[in-house]
C-alpha cells in the first residue's frame, strides 16, 4: 500500500502523539507499505520552524529518510 502523510500526521508520527490512532500507526510502521511525505509538507514545516512555531529535531532529514 502507498501512503501519503499530511503535515499533521507526519508530526504526530514523529512525536509519537496519542492523536494518531493505533491502526494508522500500524500502517505507517508496516515495512511492506511505502510511506511518502509531500515536499509541500517539508516546506511548510521549515517555514513554521523559522517562525518559531515548531521545533524540528536536528536529525529531521535523516528521520524522514
Protein backbone atom coordinates (compact mmCIF):
# COMPACT_ATOMS: atom_id res chain seq x y z
CA UNK A 1 0.00 0.00 0.00
CA UNK A 2 1.16 3.55 -0.70
CA UNK A 3 0.57 6.15 2.00
CA UNK A 4 0.92 9.92 1.65
CA UNK A 5 1.22 11.59 5.06
CA UNK A 6 -0.01 15.12 5.52
CA UNK A 7 1.86 17.54 7.75
CA UNK A 8 -0.15 16.83 10.90
CA UNK A 9 0.12 13.07 10.56
CA UNK A 10 3.87 13.38 9.96
CA UNK A 11 4.29 15.45 13.13
CA UNK A 12 2.09 13.09 15.12
CA UNK A 13 4.08 10.11 13.83
CA UNK A 14 7.46 11.68 14.61
CA UNK A 15 6.28 12.86 18.03
CA UNK A 16 4.50 9.61 18.90
CA UNK A 17 1.37 11.68 19.61
CA UNK A 18 -1.72 9.98 21.03
CA UNK A 19 -3.74 11.83 18.35
CA UNK A 20 -2.55 9.22 15.85
CA UNK A 21 -4.79 6.14 16.01
CA UNK A 22 -3.18 2.76 16.55
CA UNK A 23 -4.42 1.47 13.18
CA UNK A 24 -2.82 4.41 11.37
CA UNK A 25 0.40 3.99 13.34
CA UNK A 26 0.50 0.32 12.36
CA UNK A 27 0.02 1.15 8.65
CA UNK A 28 2.88 3.66 8.72
CA UNK A 29 5.19 1.27 10.59
CA UNK A 30 4.45 -1.68 8.29
CA UNK A 31 7.58 -2.14 6.14
CA UNK A 32 5.51 -3.56 3.29
CA UNK A 33 3.88 -0.12 2.84
CA UNK A 34 5.52 2.77 1.01
CA UNK A 35 5.25 5.98 3.00
CA UNK A 36 5.55 9.33 1.23
CA UNK A 37 5.73 12.89 2.51
CA UNK A 38 4.97 15.79 0.21
CA UNK A 39 7.67 18.36 -0.47
CA UNK A 40 5.00 20.91 0.45
CA UNK A 41 4.83 19.45 3.96
CA UNK A 42 8.60 19.78 4.35
CA UNK A 43 8.41 23.35 3.08
CA UNK A 44 5.56 24.12 5.50
CA UNK A 45 7.45 22.67 8.45
CA UNK A 46 10.63 24.59 7.63
CA UNK A 47 8.64 27.84 7.45
CA UNK A 48 6.95 27.08 10.78
CA UNK A 49 10.35 26.25 12.27
CA UNK A 50 11.71 29.60 11.06
CA UNK A 51 8.76 31.38 12.68
CA UNK A 52 9.34 29.53 15.95
CA UNK A 53 6.01 27.68 15.78
CA UNK A 54 7.54 24.21 15.70
CA UNK A 55 10.85 22.69 16.74
CA UNK A 56 12.22 20.01 14.47
CA UNK A 57 14.98 17.64 15.55
CA UNK A 58 18.46 18.31 14.17
CA UNK A 59 18.25 14.90 12.50
CA UNK A 60 14.94 15.71 10.76
CA UNK A 61 16.24 14.87 7.26
CA UNK A 62 17.68 11.57 8.49
CA UNK A 63 14.43 10.66 10.26
CA UNK A 64 12.49 11.19 7.04
CA UNK A 65 14.91 9.03 5.12
